[in-house]
């Protein structure tokens, strides 16, 4: 595991390596959030626990990247990025198969790029 990964983000990144989408769940208000935070974005409680998502959700936003932002992602271009609202309530950005649309049901899959596990959503 890379030394540049913060301790708070480690469960999320380790989940990707294991083929799992992990999110934080607040024990006080029940809110779900992705990425890694020290406190709940809804109620500011620090009573957060990591849970594993079922990996399905609904496309909330979609964009097609035609020009990669760096040399690292140039081999993938063009590629589709989406924000998916997972069934558990958290929103997560990831790659997607071309042609997905807002409102479409998708399931998370994974692929490796430059030694890192990335998310790719595809229609259910």
N, C-alpha and C. Protein backbone atom coordinates (compact mmCIF):
# COMPACT_ATOMS: atom_id res chain seq x y z
N UNK A 1 0.85 -1.17 0.00
CA UNK A 1 0.00 0.00 0.00
C UNK A 1 0.89 1.23 0.00
N UNK A 2 0.56 2.21 -0.78
CA UNK A 2 1.37 3.41 -0.92
C UNK A 2 1.41 4.22 0.37
N UNK A 3 2.58 4.79 0.65
CA UNK A 3 2.74 5.62 1.84
C UNK A 3 1.96 6.92 1.72
N UNK A 4 1.57 7.31 0.49
CA UNK A 4 0.86 8.57 0.30
C UNK A 4 -0.63 8.48 0.63
N UNK A 5 -1.12 7.29 0.90
CA UNK A 5 -2.53 7.12 1.24
C UNK A 5 -2.72 7.48 2.71
N UNK A 6 -3.65 8.40 2.96
CA UNK A 6 -3.89 8.79 4.35
C UNK A 6 -4.55 7.63 5.10
N UNK A 7 -4.34 7.60 6.39
CA UNK A 7 -4.91 6.53 7.20
C UNK A 7 -6.43 6.52 7.14
N UNK A 8 -7.04 7.70 7.08
CA UNK A 8 -8.50 7.75 7.03
C UNK A 8 -9.04 7.17 5.71
N UNK A 9 -8.26 7.25 4.62
CA UNK A 9 -8.70 6.73 3.32
C UNK A 9 -8.32 5.27 3.10
N UNK A 10 -7.45 4.74 3.93
CA UNK A 10 -6.94 3.38 3.73
C UNK A 10 -8.04 2.33 3.55
N UNK A 11 -9.11 2.31 4.36
CA UNK A 11 -10.15 1.28 4.16
C UNK A 11 -10.80 1.34 2.77
N UNK A 12 -10.97 2.55 2.22
CA UNK A 12 -11.57 2.69 0.89
C UNK A 12 -10.63 2.10 -0.16
N UNK A 13 -9.35 2.48 -0.11
CA UNK A 13 -8.37 2.02 -1.09
C UNK A 13 -8.14 0.52 -0.97
N UNK A 14 -8.07 0.00 0.24
CA UNK A 14 -7.93 -1.44 0.43
C UNK A 14 -9.15 -2.19 -0.11
N UNK A 15 -10.33 -1.59 0.03
CA UNK A 15 -11.53 -2.20 -0.53
C UNK A 15 -11.45 -2.31 -2.04
N UNK A 16 -10.96 -1.26 -2.70
CA UNK A 16 -10.80 -1.32 -4.16
C UNK A 16 -9.89 -2.48 -4.55
N UNK A 17 -8.78 -2.64 -3.82
CA UNK A 17 -7.84 -3.72 -4.12
C UNK A 17 -8.48 -5.09 -3.94
N UNK A 18 -9.50 -5.17 -3.09
CA UNK A 18 -10.21 -6.43 -2.85
C UNK A 18 -11.48 -6.55 -3.69
N UNK A 19 -11.72 -5.59 -4.59
CA UNK A 19 -12.92 -5.63 -5.43
C UNK A 19 -14.18 -5.24 -4.70
N UNK A 20 -14.04 -4.35 -3.70
CA UNK A 20 -15.19 -3.89 -2.93
C UNK A 20 -15.27 -2.37 -2.95
N UNK A 21 -16.50 -1.87 -2.95
CA UNK A 21 -16.73 -0.43 -2.77
C UNK A 21 -17.09 -0.23 -1.31
N UNK A 22 -16.30 0.56 -0.62
CA UNK A 22 -16.57 0.83 0.78
C UNK A 22 -16.98 2.29 0.96
N UNK A 23 -17.84 2.51 1.93
CA UNK A 23 -18.32 3.85 2.24
C UNK A 23 -18.39 3.99 3.75
N UNK A 24 -18.45 5.23 4.21
CA UNK A 24 -18.59 5.47 5.64
C UNK A 24 -20.06 5.65 5.98
N UNK A 25 -20.46 5.11 7.13
CA UNK A 25 -21.82 5.22 7.62
C UNK A 25 -21.78 5.85 9.01
N UNK A 26 -22.63 6.83 9.23
CA UNK A 26 -22.68 7.53 10.52
C UNK A 26 -23.59 6.77 11.48
N UNK A 27 -23.05 6.43 12.64
CA UNK A 27 -23.83 5.71 13.66
C UNK A 27 -24.88 6.61 14.30
N UNK A 28 -24.69 7.92 14.25
CA UNK A 28 -25.64 8.84 14.90
C UNK A 28 -26.82 9.21 14.02
N UNK A 29 -26.58 9.56 12.74
CA UNK A 29 -27.69 10.00 11.89
C UNK A 29 -28.00 9.03 10.75
N UNK A 30 -27.14 8.03 10.53
CA UNK A 30 -27.38 7.04 9.49
C UNK A 30 -26.94 7.45 8.11
N UNK A 31 -26.37 8.65 7.94
CA UNK A 31 -25.96 9.12 6.61
C UNK A 31 -24.80 8.28 6.08
N UNK A 32 -24.78 8.12 4.77
CA UNK A 32 -23.69 7.41 4.10
C UNK A 32 -22.87 8.43 3.32
N UNK A 33 -21.55 8.23 3.30
CA UNK A 33 -20.69 9.13 2.54
C UNK A 33 -19.51 8.33 1.99
N UNK A 34 -19.08 8.72 0.80
CA UNK A 34 -17.90 8.09 0.21
C UNK A 34 -16.70 8.97 0.48
N UNK A 35 -15.60 8.48 0.01
CA UNK A 35 -14.31 9.08 0.29
C UNK A 35 -14.08 8.97 1.78
N UNK A 36 -13.16 9.67 2.30
CA UNK A 36 -12.82 9.46 3.71
C UNK A 36 -12.86 10.79 4.44
N UNK A 37 -13.62 10.82 5.49
CA UNK A 37 -13.76 12.02 6.30
C UNK A 37 -13.59 11.64 7.77
N UNK A 38 -13.21 12.61 8.55
CA UNK A 38 -13.08 12.39 9.99
C UNK A 38 -14.40 12.59 10.72
N UNK A 39 -15.37 13.23 10.03
CA UNK A 39 -16.67 13.49 10.64
C UNK A 39 -17.75 13.36 9.59
N UNK A 40 -18.96 13.11 10.04
CA UNK A 40 -20.11 13.01 9.15
C UNK A 40 -20.37 14.36 8.49
N UNK A 41 -20.57 14.34 7.18
CA UNK A 41 -20.86 15.58 6.44
C UNK A 41 -22.25 16.11 6.74
N UNK A 42 -23.12 15.30 7.36
CA UNK A 42 -24.49 15.73 7.64
C UNK A 42 -24.67 16.26 9.05
N UNK A 43 -24.09 15.54 10.04
CA UNK A 43 -24.34 15.94 11.43
C UNK A 43 -23.06 16.24 12.21
N UNK A 44 -21.91 16.07 11.58
CA UNK A 44 -20.59 16.34 12.18
C UNK A 44 -20.16 15.35 13.26
N UNK A 45 -20.87 14.27 13.42
CA UNK A 45 -20.49 13.24 14.37
C UNK A 45 -19.21 12.55 13.90
N UNK A 46 -18.41 12.11 14.86
CA UNK A 46 -17.23 11.34 14.48
C UNK A 46 -17.46 9.83 14.64
N UNK A 47 -18.70 9.43 14.80
CA UNK A 47 -19.06 8.02 14.97
C UNK A 47 -19.26 7.37 13.60
N UNK A 48 -18.18 7.24 12.85
CA UNK A 48 -18.23 6.69 11.50
C UNK A 48 -17.70 5.28 11.47
N UNK A 49 -18.34 4.44 10.68
CA UNK A 49 -17.88 3.07 10.48
C UNK A 49 -17.83 2.78 8.99
N UNK A 50 -16.90 1.94 8.57
CA UNK A 50 -16.81 1.55 7.16
C UNK A 50 -17.73 0.38 6.90
N UNK A 51 -18.46 0.45 5.78
CA UNK A 51 -19.35 -0.61 5.35
C UNK A 51 -19.02 -0.94 3.88
N UNK A 52 -19.46 -2.10 3.44
CA UNK A 52 -19.25 -2.51 2.05
C UNK A 52 -20.56 -2.36 1.29
N UNK A 53 -20.49 -1.65 0.18
CA UNK A 53 -21.65 -1.43 -0.68
C UNK A 53 -21.94 -2.67 -1.50
N UNK A 54 -23.19 -2.82 -1.88
CA UNK A 54 -23.57 -3.87 -2.82
C UNK A 54 -23.07 -3.59 -4.22
N UNK A 55 -22.62 -2.35 -4.46
CA UNK A 55 -22.02 -2.00 -5.75
C UNK A 55 -22.99 -1.54 -6.82
N UNK A 56 -24.28 -1.42 -6.49
CA UNK A 56 -25.24 -0.96 -7.49
C UNK A 56 -25.77 0.42 -7.13
N UNK A 57 -26.17 1.15 -8.17
CA UNK A 57 -26.71 2.47 -7.95
C UNK A 57 -27.28 3.05 -9.22
N UNK A 58 -27.54 4.35 -9.18
CA UNK A 58 -28.16 5.07 -10.29
C UNK A 58 -27.24 6.20 -10.73
N UNK A 59 -27.06 6.33 -12.04
CA UNK A 59 -26.20 7.38 -12.56
C UNK A 59 -26.82 8.74 -12.26
N UNK A 60 -26.05 9.58 -11.60
CA UNK A 60 -26.49 10.93 -11.21
C UNK A 60 -25.97 11.97 -12.20
N UNK A 61 -24.75 11.76 -12.73
CA UNK A 61 -24.15 12.69 -13.70
C UNK A 61 -23.19 11.89 -14.58
N UNK A 62 -22.99 12.36 -15.80
CA UNK A 62 -22.10 11.66 -16.74
C UNK A 62 -21.37 12.69 -17.61
N UNK A 63 -20.12 12.39 -17.93
CA UNK A 63 -19.35 13.23 -18.85
C UNK A 63 -18.39 12.36 -19.64
N UNK A 64 -18.09 12.78 -20.84
CA UNK A 64 -17.13 12.08 -21.69
C UNK A 64 -15.83 12.90 -21.71
N UNK A 65 -14.74 12.27 -21.32
CA UNK A 65 -13.42 12.92 -21.31
C UNK A 65 -12.73 12.56 -22.61
N UNK A 66 -12.52 13.54 -23.43
CA UNK A 66 -11.87 13.31 -24.73
C UNK A 66 -10.38 13.59 -24.67
N UNK A 67 -9.99 14.49 -23.77
CA UNK A 67 -8.58 14.84 -23.63
C UNK A 67 -8.19 14.63 -22.17
N UNK A 68 -7.34 13.66 -21.95
CA UNK A 68 -6.95 13.29 -20.59
C UNK A 68 -6.23 14.46 -19.89
N UNK A 69 -6.44 14.60 -18.58
CA UNK A 69 -5.83 15.70 -17.85
C UNK A 69 -4.33 15.52 -17.60
N UNK A 70 -3.80 14.31 -17.84
CA UNK A 70 -2.38 14.06 -17.62
C UNK A 70 -1.92 12.90 -18.49
N UNK A 71 -0.61 12.75 -18.61
CA UNK A 71 -0.05 11.63 -19.38
C UNK A 71 -0.49 10.30 -18.80
N UNK A 72 -0.70 10.25 -17.50
CA UNK A 72 -1.10 9.03 -16.81
C UNK A 72 -2.42 8.47 -17.36
N UNK A 73 -3.36 9.34 -17.70
CA UNK A 73 -4.67 8.89 -18.15
C UNK A 73 -4.84 8.96 -19.67
N UNK A 74 -3.84 9.45 -20.38
CA UNK A 74 -3.94 9.56 -21.84
C UNK A 74 -4.26 8.23 -22.52
N UNK A 75 -3.67 7.10 -22.08
CA UNK A 75 -4.00 5.83 -22.75
C UNK A 75 -5.47 5.42 -22.63
N UNK A 76 -6.19 5.97 -21.68
CA UNK A 76 -7.60 5.62 -21.49
C UNK A 76 -8.54 6.48 -22.34
N UNK A 77 -8.07 7.63 -22.79
CA UNK A 77 -8.94 8.58 -23.49
C UNK A 77 -9.32 8.06 -24.88
N UNK A 78 -10.54 8.32 -25.33
CA UNK A 78 -11.61 8.97 -24.57
C UNK A 78 -12.21 7.98 -23.56
N UNK A 79 -12.73 8.53 -22.47
CA UNK A 79 -13.36 7.69 -21.45
C UNK A 79 -14.53 8.43 -20.82
N UNK A 80 -15.42 7.64 -20.24
CA UNK A 80 -16.63 8.16 -19.62
C UNK A 80 -16.44 8.16 -18.11
N UNK A 81 -16.80 9.28 -17.47
CA UNK A 81 -16.83 9.39 -16.02
C UNK A 81 -18.26 9.62 -15.58
N UNK A 82 -18.62 9.02 -14.45
CA UNK A 82 -19.96 9.19 -13.91
C UNK A 82 -19.90 9.46 -12.41
N UNK A 83 -20.94 10.08 -11.92
CA UNK A 83 -21.20 10.11 -10.48
C UNK A 83 -22.41 9.22 -10.29
N UNK A 84 -22.26 8.23 -9.43
CA UNK A 84 -23.32 7.27 -9.17
C UNK A 84 -23.79 7.42 -7.74
N UNK A 85 -25.10 7.48 -7.57
CA UNK A 85 -25.66 7.43 -6.23
C UNK A 85 -25.87 5.96 -5.90
N UNK A 86 -25.03 5.45 -5.01
CA UNK A 86 -25.13 4.05 -4.61
C UNK A 86 -26.45 3.80 -3.89
N UNK A 87 -26.92 2.58 -3.92
CA UNK A 87 -28.18 2.24 -3.26
C UNK A 87 -28.14 2.57 -1.77
N UNK A 88 -26.95 2.59 -1.19
CA UNK A 88 -26.81 2.91 0.24
C UNK A 88 -26.89 4.41 0.52
N UNK A 89 -26.91 5.24 -0.55
CA UNK A 89 -27.10 6.68 -0.39
C UNK A 89 -25.89 7.55 -0.66
N UNK A 90 -24.71 6.98 -0.67
CA UNK A 90 -23.50 7.75 -0.92
C UNK A 90 -23.32 7.94 -2.43
N UNK A 91 -22.67 9.02 -2.82
CA UNK A 91 -22.35 9.26 -4.22
C UNK A 91 -20.87 9.05 -4.45
N UNK A 92 -20.55 8.46 -5.61
CA UNK A 92 -19.17 8.08 -5.92
C UNK A 92 -18.89 8.32 -7.39
N UNK A 93 -17.72 8.88 -7.68
CA UNK A 93 -17.31 9.08 -9.07
C UNK A 93 -16.45 7.90 -9.51
N UNK A 94 -16.64 7.49 -10.74
CA UNK A 94 -15.84 6.41 -11.31
C UNK A 94 -15.95 6.41 -12.82
N UNK A 95 -15.19 5.55 -13.45
CA UNK A 95 -15.28 5.35 -14.89
C UNK A 95 -16.58 4.61 -15.18
N UNK A 96 -16.99 4.62 -16.45
CA UNK A 96 -18.19 3.88 -16.85
C UNK A 96 -18.04 3.43 -18.29
N UNK A 97 -18.80 2.42 -18.65
CA UNK A 97 -18.81 1.99 -20.03
C UNK A 97 -19.45 3.10 -20.87
N UNK A 98 -18.98 3.30 -22.10
CA UNK A 98 -19.55 4.34 -22.95
C UNK A 98 -21.06 4.15 -23.13
N UNK A 99 -21.76 5.25 -23.20
CA UNK A 99 -23.19 5.22 -23.48
C UNK A 99 -24.10 5.18 -22.27
N UNK A 100 -23.55 5.12 -21.05
CA UNK A 100 -24.43 5.15 -19.89
C UNK A 100 -25.11 6.51 -19.82
N UNK A 101 -26.28 6.56 -19.21
CA UNK A 101 -27.07 7.79 -19.18
C UNK A 101 -27.54 8.10 -17.76
N UNK A 102 -27.79 9.36 -17.52
CA UNK A 102 -28.33 9.79 -16.24
C UNK A 102 -29.63 9.03 -15.98
N UNK A 103 -29.78 8.53 -14.76
CA UNK A 103 -30.96 7.77 -14.37
C UNK A 103 -30.85 6.28 -14.59
N UNK A 104 -29.82 5.84 -15.28
CA UNK A 104 -29.64 4.42 -15.58
C UNK A 104 -29.09 3.67 -14.36
N UNK A 105 -29.54 2.45 -14.18
CA UNK A 105 -29.03 1.59 -13.11
C UNK A 105 -27.72 0.96 -13.56
N UNK A 106 -26.73 0.98 -12.67
CA UNK A 106 -25.41 0.45 -12.98
C UNK A 106 -24.88 -0.38 -11.82
N UNK A 107 -23.86 -1.18 -12.14
CA UNK A 107 -23.17 -2.01 -11.15
C UNK A 107 -21.67 -1.75 -11.29
N UNK A 108 -21.00 -1.69 -10.16
CA UNK A 108 -19.56 -1.43 -10.16
C UNK A 108 -18.77 -2.67 -10.55
N UNK A 109 -17.75 -2.42 -11.35
CA UNK A 109 -16.73 -3.42 -11.66
C UNK A 109 -15.39 -2.72 -11.45
N UNK A 110 -14.32 -3.41 -11.71
CA UNK A 110 -13.01 -2.85 -11.43
C UNK A 110 -12.05 -3.17 -12.57
N UNK A 111 -11.06 -2.32 -12.76
CA UNK A 111 -9.99 -2.59 -13.71
C UNK A 111 -8.71 -1.97 -13.17
N UNK A 112 -7.59 -2.52 -13.62
CA UNK A 112 -6.31 -2.03 -13.15
C UNK A 112 -5.70 -1.08 -14.18
N UNK A 113 -5.16 0.01 -13.69
CA UNK A 113 -4.46 0.97 -14.55
C UNK A 113 -3.24 1.47 -13.79
N UNK A 114 -2.08 1.21 -14.35
CA UNK A 114 -0.81 1.63 -13.76
C UNK A 114 -0.66 1.18 -12.31
N UNK A 115 -1.05 -0.06 -12.06
CA UNK A 115 -0.88 -0.64 -10.74
C UNK A 115 -1.94 -0.25 -9.72
N UNK A 116 -2.95 0.50 -10.15
CA UNK A 116 -4.03 0.90 -9.24
C UNK A 116 -5.34 0.30 -9.70
N UNK A 117 -6.16 -0.05 -8.75
CA UNK A 117 -7.49 -0.59 -9.03
C UNK A 117 -8.45 0.59 -9.16
N UNK A 118 -9.13 0.69 -10.31
CA UNK A 118 -10.10 1.76 -10.55
C UNK A 118 -11.49 1.16 -10.72
N UNK A 119 -12.48 2.00 -10.55
CA UNK A 119 -13.89 1.58 -10.64
C UNK A 119 -14.39 1.83 -12.07
N UNK A 120 -15.16 0.87 -12.58
CA UNK A 120 -15.85 1.07 -13.86
C UNK A 120 -17.28 0.57 -13.70
N UNK A 121 -18.23 1.47 -13.83
CA UNK A 121 -19.64 1.12 -13.74
C UNK A 121 -20.15 0.67 -15.11
N UNK A 122 -21.05 -0.29 -15.10
CA UNK A 122 -21.68 -0.78 -16.33
C UNK A 122 -23.16 -0.98 -16.07
N UNK A 123 -23.99 -0.90 -17.10
CA UNK A 123 -25.43 -1.11 -16.90
C UNK A 123 -25.73 -2.46 -16.24
N UNK A 124 -26.76 -2.45 -15.40
CA UNK A 124 -27.16 -3.69 -14.71
C UNK A 124 -27.81 -4.61 -15.72
